[in-house]
Structure formats: C-alpha cells, structure tokens
Amino acid sequence: MDVLQKVKSLMEERSWTEYRLAKNANLSQSTIKNIFQRNNVPTVATIEKLCTAFGITLSQFFANDNDLVSLNSEDIELLQRWSKLSLEQKESFLNMLKSIS
C-alpha cells in the first residue's frame, strides 16, 4: 500500500489542503509538507493522528478499498468520542451497554 497516496486520496475526497489536514490532525504544517515533499512515510503515531483527523480507524486506513466499512456520521461521532475516553470510562460504558442488550 502506498501510504502517501492513501493520505492524498483521503484529502482529495474531503477537498482538504495540507494546512487543513495539519490543523485537523494537530500536526505542524511543516510536518505535513515534509511528508509529501520528501516522500517520507509517516510514523505510526503520525498516521494515527491523520486517521483521527479523517474520522477513520487505522484498520480502515490500511484496508483495501473494497474492504472499507462505510461509517455513517453517527458511527464516526461514536468512534471519535470513544477514542477520547479514559480506560475506566470505556469499561463503564461497555458494562452499561452489556446491561441493556
């Protein structure tokens, strides 16, 4: 998989500039610019930040296009909120879900 091409593709789908990607991913604009100008493959930590900005998971990022799971806006919001929870909060939430299902 061409990581840089995948990032470019995700940016194009959203009509994002490098600046917008940097801002949404909480990365410096120079970091994004260096990735593209020097053809540097970003670190896993950077890819995680990019995925958060795009509203996708790492597994979705690395999946083949045919394997991508479509997420609606509610799914995306749930995943974004989930990723911000502490371990204790996640455990509590899962216990609550188990109790109602």
PDB file of N, CA and C in Angstrom:
ATOM      1  N   MET A   1       0.834  -1.181   0.000  1.00  0.00           N
ATOM      2  CA  MET A   1       0.000   0.000   0.000  1.00  0.00           C
ATOM      3  C   MET A   1       0.877   1.242   0.000  1.00  0.00           C
ATOM      4  N   ASP A   2       0.516   2.205  -0.797  1.00  0.00           N
ATOM      5  CA  ASP A   2       1.213   3.481  -0.851  1.00  0.00           C
ATOM      6  C   ASP A   2       0.547   4.422   0.153  1.00  0.00           C
ATOM      7  N   VAL A   3       1.192   4.590   1.295  1.00  0.00           N
ATOM      8  CA  VAL A   3       0.637   5.380   2.390  1.00  0.00           C
ATOM      9  C   VAL A   3       0.405   6.825   1.955  1.00  0.00           C
ATOM     10  N   LEU A   4       1.380   7.404   1.282  1.00  0.00           N
ATOM     11  CA  LEU A   4       1.248   8.801   0.863  1.00  0.00           C
ATOM     12  C   LEU A   4       0.093   8.985  -0.112  1.00  0.00           C
ATOM     13  N   GLN A   5      -0.063   8.046  -1.021  1.00  0.00           N
ATOM     14  CA  GLN A   5      -1.167   8.134  -1.977  1.00  0.00           C
ATOM     15  C   GLN A   5      -2.507   8.010  -1.251  1.00  0.00           C
ATOM     16  N   LYS A   6      -2.551   7.163  -0.249  1.00  0.00           N
ATOM     17  CA  LYS A   6      -3.781   6.999   0.521  1.00  0.00           C
ATOM     18  C   LYS A   6      -4.144   8.307   1.225  1.00  0.00           C
ATOM     19  N   VAL A   7      -3.148   8.955   1.826  1.00  0.00           N
ATOM     20  CA  VAL A   7      -3.393  10.237   2.503  1.00  0.00           C
ATOM     21  C   VAL A   7      -3.876  11.268   1.486  1.00  0.00           C
ATOM     22  N   LYS A   8      -3.209  11.330   0.341  1.00  0.00           N
ATOM     23  CA  LYS A   8      -3.618  12.282  -0.703  1.00  0.00           C
ATOM     24  C   LYS A   8      -5.052  12.012  -1.152  1.00  0.00           C
ATOM     25  N   SER A   9      -5.385  10.744  -1.315  1.00  0.00           N
ATOM     26  CA  SER A   9      -6.727  10.367  -1.744  1.00  0.00           C
ATOM     27  C   SER A   9      -7.774  10.801  -0.717  1.00  0.00           C
ATOM     28  N   LEU A  10      -7.485  10.569   0.559  1.00  0.00           N
ATOM     29  CA  LEU A  10      -8.414  10.962   1.614  1.00  0.00           C
ATOM     30  C   LEU A  10      -8.564  12.481   1.673  1.00  0.00           C
ATOM     31  N   MET A  11      -7.472  13.187   1.421  1.00  0.00           N
ATOM     32  CA  MET A  11      -7.531  14.652   1.382  1.00  0.00           C
ATOM     33  C   MET A  11      -8.402  15.114   0.210  1.00  0.00           C
ATOM     34  N   GLU A  12      -8.202  14.501  -0.937  1.00  0.00           N
ATOM     35  CA  GLU A  12      -8.968  14.885  -2.130  1.00  0.00           C
ATOM     36  C   GLU A  12     -10.461  14.626  -1.938  1.00  0.00           C
ATOM     37  N   GLU A  13     -10.804  13.501  -1.303  1.00  0.00           N
ATOM     38  CA  GLU A  13     -12.214  13.175  -1.053  1.00  0.00           C
ATOM     39  C   GLU A  13     -12.894  14.268  -0.233  1.00  0.00           C
ATOM     40  N   ARG A  14     -12.109  14.902   0.638  1.00  0.00           N
ATOM     41  CA  ARG A  14     -12.653  15.906   1.540  1.00  0.00           C
ATOM     42  C   ARG A  14     -12.369  17.337   1.066  1.00  0.00           C
ATOM     43  N   SER A  15     -11.656  17.447  -0.038  1.00  0.00           N
ATOM     44  CA  SER A  15     -11.224  18.754  -0.560  1.00  0.00           C
ATOM     45  C   SER A  15     -10.404  19.517   0.485  1.00  0.00           C
ATOM     46  N   TRP A  16      -9.526  18.789   1.139  1.00  0.00           N
ATOM     47  CA  TRP A  16      -8.684  19.380   2.180  1.00  0.00           C
ATOM     48  C   TRP A  16      -7.349  19.823   1.603  1.00  0.00           C
ATOM     49  N   THR A  17      -6.834  20.896   2.141  1.00  0.00           N
ATOM     50  CA  THR A  17      -5.474  21.345   1.835  1.00  0.00           C
ATOM     51  C   THR A  17      -4.529  20.728   2.861  1.00  0.00           C
ATOM     52  N   GLU A  18      -3.237  20.875   2.617  1.00  0.00           N
ATOM     53  CA  GLU A  18      -2.259  20.412   3.602  1.00  0.00           C
ATOM     54  C   GLU A  18      -2.459  21.141   4.927  1.00  0.00           C
ATOM     55  N   TYR A  19      -2.768  22.432   4.830  1.00  0.00           N
ATOM     56  CA  TYR A  19      -2.997  23.223   6.044  1.00  0.00           C
ATOM     57  C   TYR A  19      -4.170  22.661   6.857  1.00  0.00           C
ATOM     58  N   ARG A  20      -5.266  22.365   6.164  1.00  0.00           N
ATOM     59  CA  ARG A  20      -6.456  21.834   6.855  1.00  0.00           C
ATOM     60  C   ARG A  20      -6.150  20.477   7.485  1.00  0.00           C
ATOM     61  N   LEU A  21      -5.413  19.639   6.784  1.00  0.00           N
ATOM     62  CA  LEU A  21      -5.042  18.341   7.340  1.00  0.00           C
ATOM     63  C   LEU A  21      -4.190  18.527   8.586  1.00  0.00           C
ATOM     64  N   ALA A  22      -3.208  19.404   8.505  1.00  0.00           N
ATOM     65  CA  ALA A  22      -2.329  19.657   9.653  1.00  0.00           C
ATOM     66  C   ALA A  22      -3.141  20.137  10.853  1.00  0.00           C
ATOM     67  N   LYS A  23      -4.043  21.053  10.612  1.00  0.00           N
ATOM     68  CA  LYS A  23      -4.860  21.606  11.686  1.00  0.00           C
ATOM     69  C   LYS A  23      -5.749  20.536  12.310  1.00  0.00           C
ATOM     70  N   ASN A  24      -6.435  19.760  11.477  1.00  0.00           N
ATOM     71  CA  ASN A  24      -7.346  18.730  11.988  1.00  0.00           C
ATOM     72  C   ASN A  24      -6.614  17.581  12.664  1.00  0.00           C
ATOM     73  N   ALA A  25      -5.379  17.322  12.243  1.00  0.00           N
ATOM     74  CA  ALA A  25      -4.602  16.222  12.821  1.00  0.00           C
ATOM     75  C   ALA A  25      -3.734  16.685  13.986  1.00  0.00           C
ATOM     76  N   ASN A  26      -3.792  17.974  14.287  1.00  0.00           N
ATOM     77  CA  ASN A  26      -2.969  18.541  15.356  1.00  0.00           C
ATOM     78  C   ASN A  26      -1.478  18.299  15.097  1.00  0.00           C
ATOM     79  N   LEU A  27      -1.087  18.513  13.844  1.00  0.00           N
ATOM     80  CA  LEU A  27       0.312  18.397  13.432  1.00  0.00           C
ATOM     81  C   LEU A  27       0.745  19.729  12.837  1.00  0.00           C
ATOM     82  N   SER A  28       2.041  19.976  12.821  1.00  0.00           N
ATOM     83  CA  SER A  28       2.514  21.212  12.204  1.00  0.00           C
ATOM     84  C   SER A  28       2.383  21.105  10.690  1.00  0.00           C
ATOM     85  N   GLN A  29       2.199  22.245  10.074  1.00  0.00           N
ATOM     86  CA  GLN A  29       2.086  22.257   8.618  1.00  0.00           C
ATOM     87  C   GLN A  29       3.400  21.791   7.988  1.00  0.00           C
ATOM     88  N   SER A  30       4.526  22.090   8.638  1.00  0.00           N
ATOM     89  CA  SER A  30       5.814  21.653   8.099  1.00  0.00           C
ATOM     90  C   SER A  30       5.942  20.131   8.127  1.00  0.00           C
ATOM     91  N   THR A  31       5.329  19.486   9.111  1.00  0.00           N
ATOM     92  CA  THR A  31       5.337  18.016   9.163  1.00  0.00           C
ATOM     93  C   THR A  31       4.620  17.447   7.949  1.00  0.00           C
ATOM     94  N   ILE A  32       3.450  17.986   7.656  1.00  0.00           N
ATOM     95  CA  ILE A  32       2.678  17.512   6.503  1.00  0.00           C
ATOM     96  C   ILE A  32       3.432  17.805   5.210  1.00  0.00           C
ATOM     97  N   LYS A  33       3.969  18.996   5.097  1.00  0.00           N
ATOM     98  CA  LYS A  33       4.701  19.383   3.893  1.00  0.00           C
ATOM     99  C   LYS A  33       5.908  18.462   3.675  1.00  0.00           C
ATOM    100  N   ASN A  34       6.634  18.159   4.754  1.00  0.00           N
ATOM    101  CA  ASN A  34       7.806  17.266   4.641  1.00  0.00           C
ATOM    102  C   ASN A  34       7.410  15.859   4.204  1.00  0.00           C
ATOM    103  N   ILE A  35       6.287  15.390   4.689  1.00  0.00           N
ATOM    104  CA  ILE A  35       5.830  14.051   4.304  1.00  0.00           C
ATOM    105  C   ILE A  35       5.669  13.977   2.786  1.00  0.00           C
ATOM    106  N   PHE A  36       5.046  14.993   2.216  1.00  0.00           N
ATOM    107  CA  PHE A  36       4.781  14.968   0.782  1.00  0.00           C
ATOM    108  C   PHE A  36       5.990  15.365  -0.060  1.00  0.00           C
ATOM    109  N   GLN A  37       6.708  16.387   0.345  1.00  0.00           N
ATOM    110  CA  GLN A  37       7.835  16.854  -0.469  1.00  0.00           C
ATOM    111  C   GLN A  37       8.996  15.872  -0.469  1.00  0.00           C
ATOM    112  N   ARG A  38       9.207  15.219   0.652  1.00  0.00           N
ATOM    113  CA  ARG A  38      10.346  14.290   0.754  1.00  0.00           C
ATOM    114  C   ARG A  38       9.929  12.837   0.560  1.00  0.00           C
ATOM    115  N   ASN A  39       8.647  12.631   0.282  1.00  0.00           N
ATOM    116  CA  ASN A  39       8.115  11.271   0.140  1.00  0.00           C
ATOM    117  C   ASN A  39       8.450  10.397   1.342  1.00  0.00           C
ATOM    118  N   ASN A  40       8.348  10.995   2.522  1.00  0.00           N
ATOM    119  CA  ASN A  40       8.595  10.262   3.756  1.00  0.00           C
ATOM    120  C   ASN A  40       7.337   9.524   4.181  1.00  0.00           C
ATOM    121  N   VAL A  41       7.491   8.270   4.510  1.00  0.00           N
ATOM    122  CA  VAL A  41       6.362   7.523   5.061  1.00  0.00           C
ATOM    123  C   VAL A  41       6.208   7.969   6.512  1.00  0.00           C
ATOM    124  N   PRO A  42       5.039   8.440   6.895  1.00  0.00           N
ATOM    125  CA  PRO A  42       4.849   8.908   8.270  1.00  0.00           C
ATOM    126  C   PRO A  42       4.952   7.772   9.278  1.00  0.00           C
ATOM    127  N   THR A  43       5.286   8.134  10.501  1.00  0.00           N
ATOM    128  CA  THR A  43       5.351   7.150  11.579  1.00  0.00           C
ATOM    129  C   THR A  43       3.935   6.670  11.896  1.00  0.00           C
ATOM    130  N   VAL A  44       3.847   5.585  12.635  1.00  0.00           N
ATOM    131  CA  VAL A  44       2.534   5.062  13.031  1.00  0.00           C
ATOM    132  C   VAL A  44       1.799   6.107  13.872  1.00  0.00           C
ATOM    133  N   ALA A  45       2.516   6.790  14.761  1.00  0.00           N
ATOM    134  CA  ALA A  45       1.891   7.819  15.592  1.00  0.00           C
ATOM    135  C   ALA A  45       1.290   8.927  14.728  1.00  0.00           C
ATOM    136  N   THR A  46       2.008   9.320  13.685  1.00  0.00           N
ATOM    137  CA  THR A  46       1.502  10.355  12.781  1.00  0.00           C
ATOM    138  C   THR A  46       0.311   9.838  11.993  1.00  0.00           C
ATOM    139  N   ILE A  47       0.378   8.598  11.532  1.00  0.00           N
ATOM    140  CA  ILE A  47      -0.750   8.014  10.801  1.00  0.00           C
ATOM    141  C   ILE A  47      -1.985   7.955  11.701  1.00  0.00           C
ATOM    142  N   GLU A  48      -1.789   7.641  12.984  1.00  0.00           N
ATOM    143  CA  GLU A  48      -2.918   7.617  13.918  1.00  0.00           C
ATOM    144  C   GLU A  48      -3.569   8.997  14.014  1.00  0.00           C
ATOM    145  N   LYS A  49      -2.750  10.037  14.074  1.00  0.00           N
ATOM    146  CA  LYS A  49      -3.291  11.396  14.132  1.00  0.00           C
ATOM    147  C   LYS A  49      -4.026  11.744  12.836  1.00  0.00           C
ATOM    148  N   LEU A  50      -3.470  11.305  11.719  1.00  0.00           N
ATOM    149  CA  LEU A  50      -4.127  11.549  10.433  1.00  0.00           C
ATOM    150  C   LEU A  50      -5.477  10.831  10.380  1.00  0.00           C
ATOM    151  N   CYS A  51      -5.492   9.595  10.849  1.00  0.00           N
ATOM    152  CA  CYS A  51      -6.744   8.827  10.857  1.00  0.00           C
ATOM    153  C   CYS A  51      -7.799   9.507  11.721  1.00  0.00           C
ATOM    154  N   THR A  52      -7.388   9.996  12.877  1.00  0.00           N
ATOM    155  CA  THR A  52      -8.323  10.711  13.747  1.00  0.00           C
ATOM    156  C   THR A  52      -8.898  11.920  13.021  1.00  0.00           C
ATOM    157  N   ALA A  53      -8.030  12.645  12.327  1.00  0.00           N
ATOM    158  CA  ALA A  53      -8.483  13.818  11.570  1.00  0.00           C
ATOM    159  C   ALA A  53      -9.480  13.412  10.485  1.00  0.00           C
ATOM    160  N   PHE A  54      -9.222  12.297   9.823  1.00  0.00           N
ATOM    161  CA  PHE A  54     -10.098  11.836   8.747  1.00  0.00           C
ATOM    162  C   PHE A  54     -11.359  11.150   9.276  1.00  0.00           C
ATOM    163  N   GLY A  55     -11.375  10.835  10.565  1.00  0.00           N
ATOM    164  CA  GLY A  55     -12.533  10.153  11.145  1.00  0.00           C
ATOM    165  C   GLY A  55     -12.594   8.684  10.789  1.00  0.00           C
ATOM    166  N   ILE A  56     -11.409   8.071  10.617  1.00  0.00           N
ATOM    167  CA  ILE A  56     -11.348   6.640  10.301  1.00  0.00           C
ATOM    168  C   ILE A  56     -10.402   5.953  11.283  1.00  0.00           C
ATOM    169  N   THR A  57     -10.473   4.637  11.295  1.00  0.00           N
ATOM    170  CA  THR A  57      -9.575   3.856  12.144  1.00  0.00           C
ATOM    171  C   THR A  57      -8.324   3.473  11.361  1.00  0.00           C
ATOM    172  N   LEU A  58      -7.316   3.023  12.093  1.00  0.00           N
ATOM    173  CA  LEU A  58      -6.103   2.532  11.424  1.00  0.00           C
ATOM    174  C   LEU A  58      -6.423   1.362  10.509  1.00  0.00           C
ATOM    175  N   SER A  59      -7.296   0.478  10.954  1.00  0.00           N
ATOM    176  CA  SER A  59      -7.626  -0.679  10.119  1.00  0.00           C
ATOM    177  C   SER A  59      -8.321  -0.239   8.834  1.00  0.00           C
ATOM    178  N   GLN A  60      -9.143   0.788   8.913  1.00  0.00           N
ATOM    179  CA  GLN A  60      -9.782   1.298   7.694  1.00  0.00           C
ATOM    180  C   GLN A  60      -8.743   1.933   6.776  1.00  0.00           C
ATOM    181  N   PHE A  61      -7.786   2.624   7.368  1.00  0.00           N
ATOM    182  CA  PHE A  61      -6.740   3.263   6.572  1.00  0.00           C
ATOM    183  C   PHE A  61      -5.964   2.224   5.769  1.00  0.00           C
ATOM    184  N   PHE A  62      -5.624   1.111   6.420  1.00  0.00           N
ATOM    185  CA  PHE A  62      -4.788   0.103   5.779  1.00  0.00           C
ATOM    186  C   PHE A  62      -5.569  -0.956   5.011  1.00  0.00           C
ATOM    187  N   ALA A  63      -6.886  -0.932   5.106  1.00  0.00           N
ATOM    188  CA  ALA A  63      -7.703  -1.906   4.375  1.00  0.00           C
ATOM    189  C   ALA A  63      -7.689  -1.584   2.887  1.00  0.00           C
ATOM    190  N   ASN A  64      -7.870  -2.614   2.091  1.00  0.00           N
ATOM    191  CA  ASN A  64      -8.052  -2.395   0.656  1.00  0.00           C
ATOM    192  C   ASN A  64      -9.356  -1.641   0.461  1.00  0.00           C
ATOM    193  N   ASP A  65      -9.430  -0.851  -0.591  1.00  0.00           N
ATOM    194  CA  ASP A  65     -10.616  -0.038  -0.823  1.00  0.00           C
ATOM    195  C   ASP A  65     -11.901  -0.864  -0.822  1.00  0.00           C
ATOM    196  N   ASN A  66     -11.841  -2.066  -1.330  1.00  0.00           N
ATOM    197  CA  ASN A  66     -13.031  -2.920  -1.369  1.00  0.00           C
ATOM    198  C   ASN A  66     -13.426  -3.425   0.005  1.00  0.00           C
ATOM    199  N   ASP A  67     -12.487  -3.391   0.942  1.00  0.00           N
ATOM    200  CA  ASP A  67     -12.746  -3.907   2.278  1.00  0.00           C
ATOM    201  C   ASP A  67     -13.206  -2.836   3.256  1.00  0.00           C
ATOM    202  N   LEU A  68     -13.208  -1.576   2.849  1.00  0.00           N
ATOM    203  CA  LEU A  68     -13.564  -0.497   3.768  1.00  0.00           C
ATOM    204  C   LEU A  68     -15.012  -0.628   4.208  1.00  0.00           C
ATOM    205  N   VAL A  69     -15.209  -0.395   5.469  1.00  0.00           N
ATOM    206  CA  VAL A  69     -16.545  -0.398   6.027  1.00  0.00           C
ATOM    207  C   VAL A  69     -17.060   1.029   5.966  1.00  0.00           C
ATOM    208  N   SER A  70     -18.251   1.187   5.485  1.00  0.00           N
ATOM    209  CA  SER A  70     -18.834   2.522   5.436  1.00  0.00           C
ATOM    210  C   SER A  70     -19.344   2.899   6.816  1.00  0.00           C
ATOM    211  N   LEU A  71     -19.010   4.087   7.228  1.00  0.00           N
ATOM    212  CA  LEU A  71     -19.491   4.590   8.507  1.00  0.00           C
ATOM    213  C   LEU A  71     -20.384   5.788   8.253  1.00  0.00           C
ATOM    214  N   ASN A  72     -21.509   5.809   8.942  1.00  0.00           N
ATOM    215  CA  ASN A  72     -22.345   6.991   8.835  1.00  0.00           C
ATOM    216  C   ASN A  72     -21.865   8.023   9.853  1.00  0.00           C
ATOM    217  N   SER A  73     -22.452   9.188   9.860  1.00  0.00           N
ATOM    218  CA  SER A  73     -21.985  10.265  10.728  1.00  0.00           C
ATOM    219  C   SER A  73     -22.110   9.899  12.209  1.00  0.00           C
ATOM    220  N   GLU A  74     -23.135   9.135  12.562  1.00  0.00           N
ATOM    221  CA  GLU A  74     -23.283   8.711  13.960  1.00  0.00           C
ATOM    222  C   GLU A  74     -22.173   7.757  14.366  1.00  0.00           C
ATOM    223  N   ASP A  75     -21.805   6.830  13.477  1.00  0.00           N
ATOM    224  CA  ASP A  75     -20.714   5.891  13.755  1.00  0.00           C
ATOM    225  C   ASP A  75     -19.404   6.645  13.966  1.00  0.00           C
ATOM    226  N   ILE A  76     -19.166   7.614  13.114  1.00  0.00           N
ATOM    227  CA  ILE A  76     -17.936   8.401  13.194  1.00  0.00           C
ATOM    228  C   ILE A  76     -17.892   9.173  14.512  1.00  0.00           C
ATOM    229  N   GLU A  77     -19.015   9.795  14.856  1.00  0.00           N
ATOM    230  CA  GLU A  77     -19.055  10.543  16.116  1.00  0.00           C
ATOM    231  C   GLU A  77     -18.811   9.618  17.303  1.00  0.00           C
ATOM    232  N   LEU A  78     -19.424   8.447  17.281  1.00  0.00           N
ATOM    233  CA  LEU A  78     -19.242   7.486  18.363  1.00  0.00           C
ATOM    234  C   LEU A  78     -17.780   7.079  18.492  1.00  0.00           C
ATOM    235  N   LEU A  79     -17.133   6.774  17.378  1.00  0.00           N
ATOM    236  CA  LEU A  79     -15.721   6.387  17.412  1.00  0.00           C
ATOM    237  C   LEU A  79     -14.826   7.529  17.878  1.00  0.00           C
ATOM    238  N   GLN A  80     -15.130   8.734  17.453  1.00  0.00           N
ATOM    239  CA  GLN A  80     -14.326   9.877  17.885  1.00  0.00           C
ATOM    240  C   GLN A  80     -14.477  10.112  19.380  1.00  0.00           C
ATOM    241  N   ARG A  81     -15.691  10.017  19.873  1.00  0.00           N
ATOM    242  CA  ARG A  81     -15.907  10.198  21.315  1.00  0.00           C
ATOM    243  C   ARG A  81     -15.281   9.049  22.106  1.00  0.00           C
ATOM    244  N   TRP A  82     -15.400   7.824  21.599  1.00  0.00           N
ATOM    245  CA  TRP A  82     -14.828   6.650  22.252  1.00  0.00           C
ATOM    246  C   TRP A  82     -13.323   6.810  22.426  1.00  0.00           C
ATOM    247  N   SER A  83     -12.653   7.291  21.390  1.00  0.00           N
ATOM    248  CA  SER A  83     -11.194   7.403  21.437  1.00  0.00           C
ATOM    249  C   SER A  83     -10.719   8.414  22.471  1.00  0.00           C
ATOM    250  N   LYS A  84     -11.601   9.292  22.916  1.00  0.00           N
ATOM    251  CA  LYS A  84     -11.229  10.308  23.909  1.00  0.00           C
ATOM    252  C   LYS A  84     -11.495   9.867  25.337  1.00  0.00           C
ATOM    253  N   LEU A  85     -12.161   8.719  25.504  1.00  0.00           N
ATOM    254  CA  LEU A  85     -12.482   8.232  26.839  1.00  0.00           C
ATOM    255  C   LEU A  85     -11.265   7.602  27.512  1.00  0.00           C
ATOM    256  N   SER A  86     -11.240   7.690  28.829  1.00  0.00           N
ATOM    257  CA  SER A  86     -10.197   7.001  29.595  1.00  0.00           C
ATOM    258  C   SER A  86     -10.540   5.518  29.628  1.00  0.00           C
ATOM    259  N   LEU A  87      -9.605   4.704  30.054  1.00  0.00           N
ATOM    260  CA  LEU A  87      -9.834   3.254  30.159  1.00  0.00           C
ATOM    261  C   LEU A  87     -11.003   2.970  31.092  1.00  0.00           C
ATOM    262  N   GLU A  88     -11.073   3.681  32.214  1.00  0.00           N
ATOM    263  CA  GLU A  88     -12.173   3.496  33.160  1.00  0.00           C
ATOM    264  C   GLU A  88     -13.516   3.832  32.521  1.00  0.00           C
ATOM    265  N   GLN A  89     -13.558   4.931  31.789  1.00  0.00           N
ATOM    266  CA  GLN A  89     -14.796   5.339  31.134  1.00  0.00           C
ATOM    267  C   GLN A  89     -15.223   4.322  30.084  1.00  0.00           C
ATOM    268  N   LYS A  90     -14.260   3.791  29.345  1.00  0.00           N
ATOM    269  CA  LYS A  90     -14.581   2.772  28.340  1.00  0.00           C
ATOM    270  C   LYS A  90     -15.166   1.536  28.990  1.00  0.00           C
ATOM    271  N   GLU A  91     -14.564   1.094  30.094  1.00  0.00           N
ATOM    272  CA  GLU A  91     -15.063  -0.085  30.793  1.00  0.00           C
ATOM    273  C   GLU A  91     -16.476   0.146  31.309  1.00  0.00           C
ATOM    274  N   SER A  92     -16.717   1.322  31.884  1.00  0.00           N
ATOM    275  CA  SER A  92     -18.058   1.659  32.392  1.00  0.00           C
ATOM    276  C   SER A  92     -19.084   1.667  31.268  1.00  0.00           C
ATOM    277  N   PHE A  93     -18.709   2.267  30.158  1.00  0.00           N
ATOM    278  CA  PHE A  93     -19.616   2.346  29.014  1.00  0.00           C
ATOM    279  C   PHE A  93     -19.945   0.954  28.486  1.00  0.00           C
ATOM    280  N   LEU A  94     -18.931   0.106  28.349  1.00  0.00           N
ATOM    281  CA  LEU A  94     -19.169  -1.257  27.866  1.00  0.00           C
ATOM    282  C   LEU A  94     -20.069  -2.033  28.821  1.00  0.00           C
ATOM    283  N   ASN A  95     -19.857  -1.857  30.115  1.00  0.00           N
ATOM    284  CA  ASN A  95     -20.709  -2.527  31.099  1.00  0.00           C
ATOM    285  C   ASN A  95     -22.158  -2.055  30.980  1.00  0.00           C
ATOM    286  N   MET A  96     -22.343  -0.761  30.759  1.00  0.00           N
ATOM    287  CA  MET A  96     -23.691  -0.236  30.607  1.00  0.00           C
ATOM    288  C   MET A  96     -24.340  -0.829  29.348  1.00  0.00           C
ATOM    289  N   LEU A  97     -23.594  -0.899  28.251  1.00  0.00           N
ATOM    290  CA  LEU A  97     -24.137  -1.482  27.022  1.00  0.00           C
ATOM    291  C   LEU A  97     -24.521  -2.943  27.208  1.00  0.00           C
ATOM    292  N   LYS A  98     -23.677  -3.678  27.913  1.00  0.00           N
ATOM    293  CA  LYS A  98     -23.961  -5.093  28.155  1.00  0.00           C
ATOM    294  C   LYS A  98     -25.236  -5.266  28.973  1.00  0.00           C
ATOM    295  N   SER A  99     -25.482  -4.319  29.869  1.00  0.00           N
ATOM    296  CA  SER A  99     -26.650  -4.430  30.744  1.00  0.00           C
ATOM    297  C   SER A  99     -27.970  -4.155  30.005  1.00  0.00           C
ATOM    298  N   ILE A 100     -27.904  -3.447  28.894  1.00  0.00           N
ATOM    299  CA  ILE A 100     -29.146  -3.131  28.179  1.00  0.00           C
ATOM    300  C   ILE A 100     -29.356  -3.979  26.934  1.00  0.00           C
ATOM    301  N   SER A 101     -28.384  -4.804  26.601  1.00  0.00           N
ATOM    302  CA  SER A 101     -28.560  -5.628  25.391  1.00  0.00           C
ATOM    303  C   SER A 101     -28.794  -7.073  25.717  1.00  0.00           C
TER     304      SER A 101
END
